[in-house]
PDB file of N, CA and C in Angstrom:
ATOM      1  N   MET A   1      10.979  29.508  -3.177  1.00  0.00           N
ATOM      2  CA  MET A   1       9.751  28.765  -3.330  1.00  0.00           C
ATOM      3  C   MET A   1      10.032  27.514  -4.157  1.00  0.00           C
ATOM      4  N   ALA A   2       9.481  26.407  -3.749  1.00  0.00           N
ATOM      5  CA  ALA A   2       9.727  25.139  -4.421  1.00  0.00           C
ATOM      6  C   ALA A   2       8.896  25.045  -5.701  1.00  0.00           C
ATOM      7  N   ASN A   3       9.559  24.718  -6.805  1.00  0.00           N
ATOM      8  CA  ASN A   3       8.856  24.622  -8.080  1.00  0.00           C
ATOM      9  C   ASN A   3       8.826  23.199  -8.628  1.00  0.00           C
ATOM     10  N   THR A   4       9.959  22.526  -8.599  1.00  0.00           N
ATOM     11  CA  THR A   4      10.013  21.179  -9.145  1.00  0.00           C
ATOM     12  C   THR A   4       9.798  20.159  -8.034  1.00  0.00           C
ATOM     13  N   LEU A   5       9.591  18.918  -8.433  1.00  0.00           N
ATOM     14  CA  LEU A   5       9.457  17.848  -7.457  1.00  0.00           C
ATOM     15  C   LEU A   5      10.699  17.784  -6.577  1.00  0.00           C
ATOM     16  N   GLY A   6      11.859  17.858  -7.189  1.00  0.00           N
ATOM     17  CA  GLY A   6      13.105  17.815  -6.433  1.00  0.00           C
ATOM     18  C   GLY A   6      13.220  18.955  -5.436  1.00  0.00           C
ATOM     19  N   ASP A   7      12.789  20.148  -5.859  1.00  0.00           N
ATOM     20  CA  ASP A   7      12.811  21.304  -4.951  1.00  0.00           C
ATOM     21  C   ASP A   7      11.913  21.060  -3.745  1.00  0.00           C
ATOM     22  N   LYS A   8      10.740  20.487  -3.996  1.00  0.00           N
ATOM     23  CA  LYS A   8       9.796  20.245  -2.908  1.00  0.00           C
ATOM     24  C   LYS A   8      10.349  19.204  -1.934  1.00  0.00           C
ATOM     25  N   ILE A   9      10.951  18.144  -2.474  1.00  0.00           N
ATOM     26  CA  ILE A   9      11.531  17.119  -1.606  1.00  0.00           C
ATOM     27  C   ILE A   9      12.650  17.718  -0.763  1.00  0.00           C
ATOM     28  N   ARG A  10      13.541  18.459  -1.403  1.00  0.00           N
ATOM     29  CA  ARG A  10      14.675  19.064  -0.683  1.00  0.00           C
ATOM     30  C   ARG A  10      14.183  20.040   0.394  1.00  0.00           C
ATOM     31  N   LEU A  11      13.202  20.881   0.039  1.00  0.00           N
ATOM     32  CA  LEU A  11      12.663  21.858   0.982  1.00  0.00           C
ATOM     33  C   LEU A  11      12.105  21.171   2.225  1.00  0.00           C
ATOM     34  N   LEU A  12      11.279  20.158   2.027  1.00  0.00           N
ATOM     35  CA  LEU A  12      10.696  19.461   3.171  1.00  0.00           C
ATOM     36  C   LEU A  12      11.754  18.699   3.958  1.00  0.00           C
ATOM     37  N   ARG A  13      12.683  18.075   3.255  1.00  0.00           N
ATOM     38  CA  ARG A  13      13.745  17.319   3.933  1.00  0.00           C
ATOM     39  C   ARG A  13      14.547  18.241   4.854  1.00  0.00           C
ATOM     40  N   LYS A  14      14.926  19.394   4.330  1.00  0.00           N
ATOM     41  CA  LYS A  14      15.710  20.340   5.132  1.00  0.00           C
ATOM     42  C   LYS A  14      14.866  20.941   6.253  1.00  0.00           C
ATOM     43  N   GLU A  15      13.601  21.214   5.966  1.00  0.00           N
ATOM     44  CA  GLU A  15      12.694  21.755   6.980  1.00  0.00           C
ATOM     45  C   GLU A  15      12.564  20.792   8.161  1.00  0.00           C
ATOM     46  N   LYS A  16      12.603  19.501   7.853  1.00  0.00           N
ATOM     47  CA  LYS A  16      12.485  18.474   8.892  1.00  0.00           C
ATOM     48  C   LYS A  16      13.848  18.021   9.411  1.00  0.00           C
ATOM     49  N   LYS A  17      14.894  18.736   8.958  1.00  0.00           N
ATOM     50  CA  LYS A  17      16.265  18.486   9.405  1.00  0.00           C
ATOM     51  C   LYS A  17      16.702  17.038   9.175  1.00  0.00           C
ATOM     52  N   LEU A  18      16.368  16.536   7.980  1.00  0.00           N
ATOM     53  CA  LEU A  18      16.763  15.183   7.601  1.00  0.00           C
ATOM     54  C   LEU A  18      17.891  15.235   6.586  1.00  0.00           C
ATOM     55  N   THR A  19      18.831  14.340   6.703  1.00  0.00           N
ATOM     56  CA  THR A  19      19.856  14.190   5.678  1.00  0.00           C
ATOM     57  C   THR A  19      19.266  13.348   4.553  1.00  0.00           C
ATOM     58  N   LEU A  20      19.949  13.345   3.424  1.00  0.00           N
ATOM     59  CA  LEU A  20      19.516  12.465   2.334  1.00  0.00           C
ATOM     60  C   LEU A  20      19.499  11.015   2.808  1.00  0.00           C
ATOM     61  N   GLU A  21      20.522  10.653   3.554  1.00  0.00           N
ATOM     62  CA  GLU A  21      20.628   9.274   4.042  1.00  0.00           C
ATOM     63  C   GLU A  21      19.464   8.917   4.968  1.00  0.00           C
ATOM     64  N   ALA A  22      19.109   9.827   5.875  1.00  0.00           N
ATOM     65  CA  ALA A  22      18.004   9.570   6.798  1.00  0.00           C
ATOM     66  C   ALA A  22      16.685   9.442   6.039  1.00  0.00           C
ATOM     67  N   LEU A  23      16.453  10.328   5.079  1.00  0.00           N
ATOM     68  CA  LEU A  23      15.227  10.236   4.287  1.00  0.00           C
ATOM     69  C   LEU A  23      15.208   8.943   3.484  1.00  0.00           C
ATOM     70  N   ALA A  24      16.339   8.594   2.909  1.00  0.00           N
ATOM     71  CA  ALA A  24      16.428   7.349   2.134  1.00  0.00           C
ATOM     72  C   ALA A  24      16.063   6.152   3.011  1.00  0.00           C
ATOM     73  N   ASN A  25      16.621   6.103   4.209  1.00  0.00           N
ATOM     74  CA  ASN A  25      16.317   4.997   5.132  1.00  0.00           C
ATOM     75  C   ASN A  25      14.839   4.970   5.495  1.00  0.00           C
ATOM     76  N   ASN A  26      14.275   6.140   5.794  1.00  0.00           N
ATOM     77  CA  ASN A  26      12.859   6.221   6.178  1.00  0.00           C
ATOM     78  C   ASN A  26      11.927   5.844   5.030  1.00  0.00           C
ATOM     79  N   ALA A  27      12.340   6.160   3.802  1.00  0.00           N
ATOM     80  CA  ALA A  27      11.489   5.893   2.637  1.00  0.00           C
ATOM     81  C   ALA A  27      11.772   4.531   2.002  1.00  0.00           C
ATOM     82  N   GLY A  28      12.829   3.880   2.445  1.00  0.00           N
ATOM     83  CA  GLY A  28      13.181   2.586   1.855  1.00  0.00           C
ATOM     84  C   GLY A  28      13.760   2.723   0.460  1.00  0.00           C
ATOM     85  N   LEU A  29      14.444   3.831   0.207  1.00  0.00           N
ATOM     86  CA  LEU A  29      15.036   4.096  -1.102  1.00  0.00           C
ATOM     87  C   LEU A  29      16.528   4.347  -0.926  1.00  0.00           C
ATOM     88  N   SER A  30      17.256   4.365  -2.025  1.00  0.00           N
ATOM     89  CA  SER A  30      18.691   4.631  -1.921  1.00  0.00           C
ATOM     90  C   SER A  30      18.956   6.129  -1.849  1.00  0.00           C
ATOM     91  N   LYS A  31      20.033   6.459  -1.189  1.00  0.00           N
ATOM     92  CA  LYS A  31      20.456   7.853  -1.073  1.00  0.00           C
ATOM     93  C   LYS A  31      20.723   8.443  -2.454  1.00  0.00           C
ATOM     94  N   SER A  32      21.360   7.655  -3.323  1.00  0.00           N
ATOM     95  CA  SER A  32      21.680   8.161  -4.666  1.00  0.00           C
ATOM     96  C   SER A  32      20.412   8.428  -5.478  1.00  0.00           C
ATOM     97  N   TYR A  33      19.388   7.593  -5.289  1.00  0.00           N
ATOM     98  CA  TYR A  33      18.126   7.821  -6.002  1.00  0.00           C
ATOM     99  C   TYR A  33      17.483   9.134  -5.555  1.00  0.00           C
ATOM    100  N   LEU A  34      17.473   9.380  -4.247  1.00  0.00           N
ATOM    101  CA  LEU A  34      16.909  10.636  -3.748  1.00  0.00           C
ATOM    102  C   LEU A  34      17.712  11.835  -4.228  1.00  0.00           C
ATOM    103  N   TRP A  35      19.039  11.686  -4.281  1.00  0.00           N
ATOM    104  CA  TRP A  35      19.874  12.775  -4.799  1.00  0.00           C
ATOM    105  C   TRP A  35      19.474  13.083  -6.242  1.00  0.00           C
ATOM    106  N   GLU A  36      19.270  12.044  -7.032  1.00  0.00           N
ATOM    107  CA  GLU A  36      18.842  12.224  -8.429  1.00  0.00           C
ATOM    108  C   GLU A  36      17.506  12.969  -8.490  1.00  0.00           C
ATOM    109  N   LEU A  37      16.572  12.579  -7.649  1.00  0.00           N
ATOM    110  CA  LEU A  37      15.262  13.256  -7.641  1.00  0.00           C
ATOM    111  C   LEU A  37      15.400  14.724  -7.300  1.00  0.00           C
ATOM    112  N   GLU A  38      16.240  15.032  -6.321  1.00  0.00           N
ATOM    113  CA  GLU A  38      16.398  16.419  -5.888  1.00  0.00           C
ATOM    114  C   GLU A  38      17.153  17.272  -6.897  1.00  0.00           C
ATOM    115  N   ASN A  39      18.029  16.665  -7.672  1.00  0.00           N
ATOM    116  CA  ASN A  39      18.942  17.454  -8.500  1.00  0.00           C
ATOM    117  C   ASN A  39      18.766  17.325 -10.006  1.00  0.00           C
ATOM    118  N   ARG A  40      17.981  16.396 -10.452  1.00  0.00           N
ATOM    119  CA  ARG A  40      17.767  16.222 -11.895  1.00  0.00           C
ATOM    120  C   ARG A  40      16.285  16.294 -12.198  1.00  0.00           C
ATOM    121  N   GLU A  41      15.897  17.310 -12.968  1.00  0.00           N
ATOM    122  CA  GLU A  41      14.480  17.541 -13.247  1.00  0.00           C
ATOM    123  C   GLU A  41      13.843  16.435 -14.079  1.00  0.00           C
ATOM    124  N   SER A  42      14.653  15.659 -14.782  1.00  0.00           N
ATOM    125  CA  SER A  42      14.108  14.641 -15.682  1.00  0.00           C
ATOM    126  C   SER A  42      13.619  13.398 -14.949  1.00  0.00           C
ATOM    127  N   GLN A  43      13.850  13.313 -13.657  1.00  0.00           N
ATOM    128  CA  GLN A  43      13.456  12.130 -12.893  1.00  0.00           C
ATOM    129  C   GLN A  43      11.944  12.057 -12.733  1.00  0.00           C
ATOM    130  N   LYS A  44      11.397  10.867 -12.973  1.00  0.00           N
ATOM    131  CA  LYS A  44       9.959  10.630 -12.839  1.00  0.00           C
ATOM    132  C   LYS A  44       9.753   9.403 -11.952  1.00  0.00           C
ATOM    133  N   PRO A  45       9.592   9.609 -10.643  1.00  0.00           N
ATOM    134  CA  PRO A  45       9.427   8.465  -9.749  1.00  0.00           C
ATOM    135  C   PRO A  45       8.076   7.788  -9.932  1.00  0.00           C
ATOM    136  N   SER A  46       8.040   6.508  -9.616  1.00  0.00           N
ATOM    137  CA  SER A  46       6.771   5.781  -9.672  1.00  0.00           C
ATOM    138  C   SER A  46       5.867   6.292  -8.550  1.00  0.00           C
ATOM    139  N   ALA A  47       4.593   5.998  -8.671  1.00  0.00           N
ATOM    140  CA  ALA A  47       3.637   6.407  -7.636  1.00  0.00           C
ATOM    141  C   ALA A  47       4.008   5.773  -6.305  1.00  0.00           C
ATOM    142  N   GLU A  48       4.478   4.536  -6.335  1.00  0.00           N
ATOM    143  CA  GLU A  48       4.867   3.830  -5.109  1.00  0.00           C
ATOM    144  C   GLU A  48       6.042   4.532  -4.416  1.00  0.00           C
ATOM    145  N   LYS A  49       7.037   4.933  -5.188  1.00  0.00           N
ATOM    146  CA  LYS A  49       8.202   5.616  -4.608  1.00  0.00           C
ATOM    147  C   LYS A  49       7.815   6.999  -4.084  1.00  0.00           C
ATOM    148  N   LEU A  50       6.972   7.686  -4.833  1.00  0.00           N
ATOM    149  CA  LEU A  50       6.520   9.008  -4.382  1.00  0.00           C
ATOM    150  C   LEU A  50       5.735   8.894  -3.079  1.00  0.00           C
ATOM    151  N   LEU A  51       4.922   7.870  -2.971  1.00  0.00           N
ATOM    152  CA  LEU A  51       4.161   7.639  -1.741  1.00  0.00           C
ATOM    153  C   LEU A  51       5.106   7.345  -0.572  1.00  0.00           C
ATOM    154  N   SER A  52       6.148   6.576  -0.812  1.00  0.00           N
ATOM    155  CA  SER A  52       7.124   6.266   0.240  1.00  0.00           C
ATOM    156  C   SER A  52       7.816   7.531   0.730  1.00  0.00           C
ATOM    157  N   ILE A  53       8.166   8.409  -0.200  1.00  0.00           N
ATOM    158  CA  ILE A  53       8.819   9.676   0.163  1.00  0.00           C
ATOM    159  C   ILE A  53       7.856  10.551   0.961  1.00  0.00           C
ATOM    160  N   ALA A  54       6.610  10.644   0.488  1.00  0.00           N
ATOM    161  CA  ALA A  54       5.607  11.458   1.184  1.00  0.00           C
ATOM    162  C   ALA A  54       5.393  10.955   2.606  1.00  0.00           C
ATOM    163  N   GLN A  55       5.291   9.645   2.758  1.00  0.00           N
ATOM    164  CA  GLN A  55       5.086   9.081   4.097  1.00  0.00           C
ATOM    165  C   GLN A  55       6.293   9.360   4.992  1.00  0.00           C
ATOM    166  N   ALA A  56       7.492   9.249   4.435  1.00  0.00           N
ATOM    167  CA  ALA A  56       8.703   9.504   5.218  1.00  0.00           C
ATOM    168  C   ALA A  56       8.786  10.968   5.647  1.00  0.00           C
ATOM    169  N   LEU A  57       8.252  11.862   4.818  1.00  0.00           N
ATOM    170  CA  LEU A  57       8.270  13.293   5.128  1.00  0.00           C
ATOM    171  C   LEU A  57       7.003  13.747   5.859  1.00  0.00           C
ATOM    172  N   LYS A  58       6.078  12.803   6.055  1.00  0.00           N
ATOM    173  CA  LYS A  58       4.824  13.071   6.776  1.00  0.00           C
ATOM    174  C   LYS A  58       3.976  14.152   6.104  1.00  0.00           C
ATOM    175  N   VAL A  59       3.827  14.027   4.777  1.00  0.00           N
ATOM    176  CA  VAL A  59       2.938  14.900   4.017  1.00  0.00           C
ATOM    177  C   VAL A  59       2.074  14.036   3.109  1.00  0.00           C
ATOM    178  N   ASP A  60       0.970  14.598   2.649  1.00  0.00           N
ATOM    179  CA  ASP A  60       0.148  13.903   1.664  1.00  0.00           C
ATOM    180  C   ASP A  60       0.882  13.896   0.338  1.00  0.00           C
ATOM    181  N   VAL A  61       0.737  12.831  -0.412  1.00  0.00           N
ATOM    182  CA  VAL A  61       1.412  12.726  -1.703  1.00  0.00           C
ATOM    183  C   VAL A  61       0.950  13.836  -2.651  1.00  0.00           C
ATOM    184  N   GLU A  62      -0.249  14.358  -2.434  1.00  0.00           N
ATOM    185  CA  GLU A  62      -0.779  15.434  -3.270  1.00  0.00           C
ATOM    186  C   GLU A  62       0.103  16.680  -3.215  1.00  0.00           C
ATOM    187  N   PHE A  63       0.819  16.861  -2.102  1.00  0.00           N
ATOM    188  CA  PHE A  63       1.712  18.018  -1.984  1.00  0.00           C
ATOM    189  C   PHE A  63       2.704  18.051  -3.140  1.00  0.00           C
ATOM    190  N   PHE A  64       3.182  16.893  -3.561  1.00  0.00           N
ATOM    191  CA  PHE A  64       4.164  16.827  -4.644  1.00  0.00           C
ATOM    192  C   PHE A  64       3.527  17.046  -6.011  1.00  0.00           C
ATOM    193  N   LEU A  65       2.230  16.846  -6.104  1.00  0.00           N
ATOM    194  CA  LEU A  65       1.548  16.907  -7.400  1.00  0.00           C
ATOM    195  C   LEU A  65       0.880  18.241  -7.682  1.00  0.00           C
ATOM    196  N   GLU A  66       0.599  19.008  -6.638  1.00  0.00           N
ATOM    197  CA  GLU A  66      -0.134  20.254  -6.851  1.00  0.00           C
ATOM    198  C   GLU A  66       0.787  21.394  -7.276  1.00  0.00           C
ATOM    199  N   MET A  67       0.196  22.390  -7.894  1.00  0.00           N
ATOM    200  CA  MET A  67       0.956  23.535  -8.395  1.00  0.00           C
ATOM    201  C   MET A  67       1.336  24.499  -7.270  1.00  0.00           C
ATOM    202  N   ASP A  68       0.556  24.523  -6.217  1.00  0.00           N
ATOM    203  CA  ASP A  68       0.852  25.388  -5.077  1.00  0.00           C
ATOM    204  C   ASP A  68       2.114  24.856  -4.408  1.00  0.00           C
ATOM    205  N   SER A  69       3.151  25.657  -4.402  1.00  0.00           N
ATOM    206  CA  SER A  69       4.437  25.162  -3.917  1.00  0.00           C
ATOM    207  C   SER A  69       4.717  25.517  -2.457  1.00  0.00           C
ATOM    208  N   ARG A  70       3.711  26.011  -1.754  1.00  0.00           N
ATOM    209  CA  ARG A  70       3.911  26.287  -0.342  1.00  0.00           C
ATOM    210  C   ARG A  70       3.983  24.981   0.437  1.00  0.00           C
ATOM    211  N   THR A  71       4.792  24.971   1.475  1.00  0.00           N
ATOM    212  CA  THR A  71       4.867  23.792   2.336  1.00  0.00           C
ATOM    213  C   THR A  71       3.601  23.728   3.185  1.00  0.00           C
ATOM    214  N   PRO A  72       3.308  22.571   3.766  1.00  0.00           N
ATOM    215  CA  PRO A  72       2.137  22.494   4.645  1.00  0.00           C
ATOM    216  C   PRO A  72       2.207  23.509   5.790  1.00  0.00           C
ATOM    217  N   GLU A  73       3.399  23.741   6.319  1.00  0.00           N
ATOM    218  CA  GLU A  73       3.543  24.718   7.402  1.00  0.00           C
ATOM    219  C   GLU A  73       3.228  26.126   6.912  1.00  0.00           C
ATOM    220  N   GLU A  74       3.690  26.471   5.696  1.00  0.00           N
ATOM    221  CA  GLU A  74       3.396  27.797   5.134  1.00  0.00           C
ATOM    222  C   GLU A  74       1.899  27.966   4.910  1.00  0.00           C
ATOM    223  N   LYS A  75       1.234  26.909   4.423  1.00  0.00           N
ATOM    224  CA  LYS A  75      -0.204  26.974   4.210  1.00  0.00           C
ATOM    225  C   LYS A  75      -0.934  27.196   5.535  1.00  0.00           C
ATOM    226  N   HIS A  76      -0.482  26.497   6.571  1.00  0.00           N
ATOM    227  CA  HIS A  76      -1.100  26.641   7.893  1.00  0.00           C
ATOM    228  C   HIS A  76      -0.957  28.075   8.404  1.00  0.00           C
ATOM    229  N   ILE A  77       0.223  28.642   8.261  1.00  0.00           N
ATOM    230  CA  ILE A  77       0.463  30.022   8.704  1.00  0.00           C
ATOM    231  C   ILE A  77      -0.393  30.996   7.906  1.00  0.00           C
ATOM    232  N   ASP A  78      -0.446  30.802   6.580  1.00  0.00           N
ATOM    233  CA  ASP A  78      -1.271  31.678   5.737  1.00  0.00           C
ATOM    234  C   ASP A  78      -2.747  31.596   6.139  1.00  0.00           C
ATOM    235  N   ASN A  79      -3.232  30.377   6.344  1.00  0.00           N
ATOM    236  CA  ASN A  79      -4.641  30.206   6.721  1.00  0.00           C
ATOM    237  C   ASN A  79      -4.940  30.857   8.063  1.00  0.00           C
ATOM    238  N   ALA A  80      -4.020  30.717   9.015  1.00  0.00           N
ATOM    239  CA  ALA A  80      -4.209  31.344  10.322  1.00  0.00           C
ATOM    240  C   ALA A  80      -4.251  32.866  10.187  1.00  0.00           C
ATOM    241  N   PHE A  81      -3.363  33.417   9.342  1.00  0.00           N
ATOM    242  CA  PHE A  81      -3.353  34.862   9.115  1.00  0.00           C
ATOM    243  C   PHE A  81      -4.700  35.330   8.556  1.00  0.00           C
ATOM    244  N   PHE A  82      -5.200  34.629   7.541  1.00  0.00           N
ATOM    245  CA  PHE A  82      -6.447  35.057   6.914  1.00  0.00           C
ATOM    246  C   PHE A  82      -7.647  34.902   7.845  1.00  0.00           C
ATOM    247  N   ARG A  83      -7.622  33.890   8.714  1.00  0.00           N
ATOM    248  CA  ARG A  83      -8.705  33.767   9.708  1.00  0.00           C
ATOM    249  C   ARG A  83      -8.696  34.978  10.641  1.00  0.00           C
ATOM    250  N   GLU A  84      -7.513  35.365  11.092  1.00  0.00           N
ATOM    251  CA  GLU A  84      -7.395  36.543  11.960  1.00  0.00           C
ATOM    252  C   GLU A  84      -7.811  37.812  11.216  1.00  0.00           C
ATOM    253  N   TYR A  85      -7.375  37.934   9.969  1.00  0.00           N
ATOM    254  CA  TYR A  85      -7.680  39.116   9.157  1.00  0.00           C
ATOM    255  C   TYR A  85      -9.193  39.287   9.005  1.00  0.00           C
ATOM    256  N   LYS A  86      -9.895  38.189   8.779  1.00  0.00           N
ATOM    257  CA  LYS A  86     -11.338  38.257   8.588  1.00  0.00           C
ATOM    258  C   LYS A  86     -12.054  38.799   9.819  1.00  0.00           C
ATOM    259  N   ASN A  87     -11.454  38.640  10.987  1.00  0.00           N
ATOM    260  CA  ASN A  87     -12.091  39.106  12.227  1.00  0.00           C
ATOM    261  C   ASN A  87     -11.775  40.555  12.566  1.00  0.00           C
ATOM    262  N   LEU A  88     -10.953  41.209  11.767  1.00  0.00           N
ATOM    263  CA  LEU A  88     -10.606  42.609  12.022  1.00  0.00           C
ATOM    264  C   LEU A  88     -11.718  43.528  11.534  1.00  0.00           C
ATOM    265  N   ASN A  89     -11.774  44.723  12.100  1.00  0.00           N
ATOM    266  CA  ASN A  89     -12.735  45.704  11.603  1.00  0.00           C
ATOM    267  C   ASN A  89     -12.137  46.400  10.359  1.00  0.00           C
ATOM    268  N   SER A  90     -12.914  47.229   9.709  1.00  0.00           N
ATOM    269  CA  SER A  90     -12.476  47.876   8.456  1.00  0.00           C
ATOM    270  C   SER A  90     -11.215  48.709   8.637  1.00  0.00           C
ATOM    271  N   GLN A  91     -11.145  49.453   9.722  1.00  0.00           N
ATOM    272  CA  GLN A  91      -9.974  50.309   9.973  1.00  0.00           C
ATOM    273  C   GLN A  91      -8.718  49.457  10.167  1.00  0.00           C
ATOM    274  N   GLU A  92      -8.829  48.370  10.910  1.00  0.00           N
ATOM    275  CA  GLU A  92      -7.682  47.492  11.138  1.00  0.00           C
ATOM    276  C   GLU A  92      -7.225  46.820   9.833  1.00  0.00           C
ATOM    277  N   LYS A  93      -8.187  46.427   9.002  1.00  0.00           N
ATOM    278  CA  LYS A  93      -7.847  45.829   7.706  1.00  0.00           C
ATOM    279  C   LYS A  93      -7.106  46.835   6.828  1.00  0.00           C
ATOM    280  N   GLU A  94      -7.563  48.071   6.857  1.00  0.00           N
ATOM    281  CA  GLU A  94      -6.902  49.124   6.080  1.00  0.00           C
ATOM    282  C   GLU A  94      -5.466  49.315   6.571  1.00  0.00           C
ATOM    283  N   GLN A  95      -5.245  49.285   7.864  1.00  0.00           N
ATOM    284  CA  GLN A  95      -3.897  49.410   8.419  1.00  0.00           C
ATOM    285  C   GLN A  95      -2.999  48.261   7.941  1.00  0.00           C
ATOM    286  N   ILE A  96      -3.538  47.070   7.942  1.00  0.00           N
ATOM    287  CA  ILE A  96      -2.766  45.902   7.472  1.00  0.00           C
ATOM    288  C   ILE A  96      -2.414  46.071   5.996  1.00  0.00           C
ATOM    289  N   ARG A  97      -3.374  46.507   5.179  1.00  0.00           N
ATOM    290  CA  ARG A  97      -3.098  46.715   3.753  1.00  0.00           C
ATOM    291  C   ARG A  97      -2.037  47.786   3.543  1.00  0.00           C
ATOM    292  N   ASN A  98      -2.074  48.841   4.354  1.00  0.00           N
ATOM    293  CA  ASN A  98      -1.058  49.898   4.257  1.00  0.00           C
ATOM    294  C   ASN A  98       0.325  49.370   4.637  1.00  0.00           C
ATOM    295  N   ILE A  99       0.381  48.573   5.688  1.00  0.00           N
ATOM    296  CA  ILE A  99       1.661  47.977   6.103  1.00  0.00           C
ATOM    297  C   ILE A  99       2.205  47.084   4.989  1.00  0.00           C
ATOM    298  N   MET A 100       1.340  46.298   4.384  1.00  0.00           N
ATOM    299  CA  MET A 100       1.765  45.415   3.289  1.00  0.00           C
ATOM    300  C   MET A 100       2.283  46.232   2.106  1.00  0.00           C
ATOM    301  N   ALA A 101       1.632  47.332   1.807  1.00  0.00           N
ATOM    302  CA  ALA A 101       2.079  48.177   0.694  1.00  0.00           C
ATOM    303  C   ALA A 101       3.469  48.740   0.965  1.00  0.00           C
ATOM    304  N   VAL A 102       3.713  49.154   2.204  1.00  0.00           N
ATOM    305  CA  VAL A 102       5.033  49.681   2.575  1.00  0.00           C
ATOM    306  C   VAL A 102       6.089  48.579   2.441  1.00  0.00           C
ATOM    307  N   ILE A 103       5.780  47.405   2.926  1.00  0.00           N
ATOM    308  CA  ILE A 103       6.730  46.287   2.837  1.00  0.00           C
ATOM    309  C   ILE A 103       7.032  45.957   1.375  1.00  0.00           C
ATOM    310  N   LYS A 104       5.992  45.880   0.554  1.00  0.00           N
ATOM    311  CA  LYS A 104       6.193  45.572  -0.864  1.00  0.00           C
ATOM    312  C   LYS A 104       7.034  46.627  -1.560  1.00  0.00           C
ATOM    313  N   SER A 105       6.758  47.890  -1.285  1.00  0.00           N
ATOM    314  CA  SER A 105       7.503  48.959  -1.959  1.00  0.00           C
ATOM    315  C   SER A 105       8.951  49.019  -1.479  1.00  0.00           C
ATOM    316  N   SER A 106       9.194  48.719  -0.216  1.00  0.00           N
ATOM    317  CA  SER A 106      10.571  48.769   0.288  1.00  0.00           C
ATOM    318  C   SER A 106      11.392  47.573  -0.175  1.00  0.00           C
ATOM    319  N   SER A 107      10.725  46.456  -0.489  1.00  0.00           N
ATOM    320  CA  SER A 107      11.461  45.278  -0.951  1.00  0.00           C
ATOM    321  C   SER A 107      11.564  45.242  -2.471  1.00  0.00           C
ATOM    322  N   GLY A 108      10.890  46.147  -3.134  1.00  0.00           N
ATOM    323  CA  GLY A 108      10.922  46.167  -4.595  1.00  0.00           C
ATOM    324  C   GLY A 108       9.985  45.165  -5.224  1.00  0.00           C
ATOM    325  N   ASN A 109       9.146  44.517  -4.442  1.00  0.00           N
ATOM    326  CA  ASN A 109       8.204  43.518  -4.937  1.00  0.00           C
ATOM    327  C   ASN A 109       6.914  44.221  -5.335  1.00  0.00           C
ATOM    328  N   LYS A 110       6.795  44.538  -6.614  1.00  0.00           N
ATOM    329  CA  LYS A 110       5.621  45.274  -7.101  1.00  0.00           C
ATOM    330  C   LYS A 110       4.507  44.345  -7.582  1.00  0.00           C
ATOM    331  N   ASN A 111       4.779  43.038  -7.697  1.00  0.00           N
ATOM    332  CA  ASN A 111       3.817  42.120  -8.289  1.00  0.00           C
ATOM    333  C   ASN A 111       2.812  41.535  -7.317  1.00  0.00           C
ATOM    334  N   GLY A 112       3.020  41.689  -6.039  1.00  0.00           N
ATOM    335  CA  GLY A 112       2.071  41.153  -5.082  1.00  0.00           C
ATOM    336  C   GLY A 112       2.492  39.840  -4.625  1.00  0.00           C
TER     337      GLY A 112
END
């Protein structure tokens, strides 16, 4: 899960199968600058540079600023799941919750 700005940039770049060089060209920035953003937490890009990166990655700039670290694609999948879940009857919802409990217990993920 992406936590820092650099993590989010790298995650989206790789998801879109872009090299650092390709993203740099699309954003009008240097490859070395993007490498710094992805790998050094102390980097603080200007709003203009952040907007250029967001546009090159085809996401809203807010994605980089919000605490929710899911990618837009992950959010879309989650929302679709919950829309489907809401249309299930009580018995079907219970089955889904049971399946989730089994998955969580088998993976050792007790926190939800």
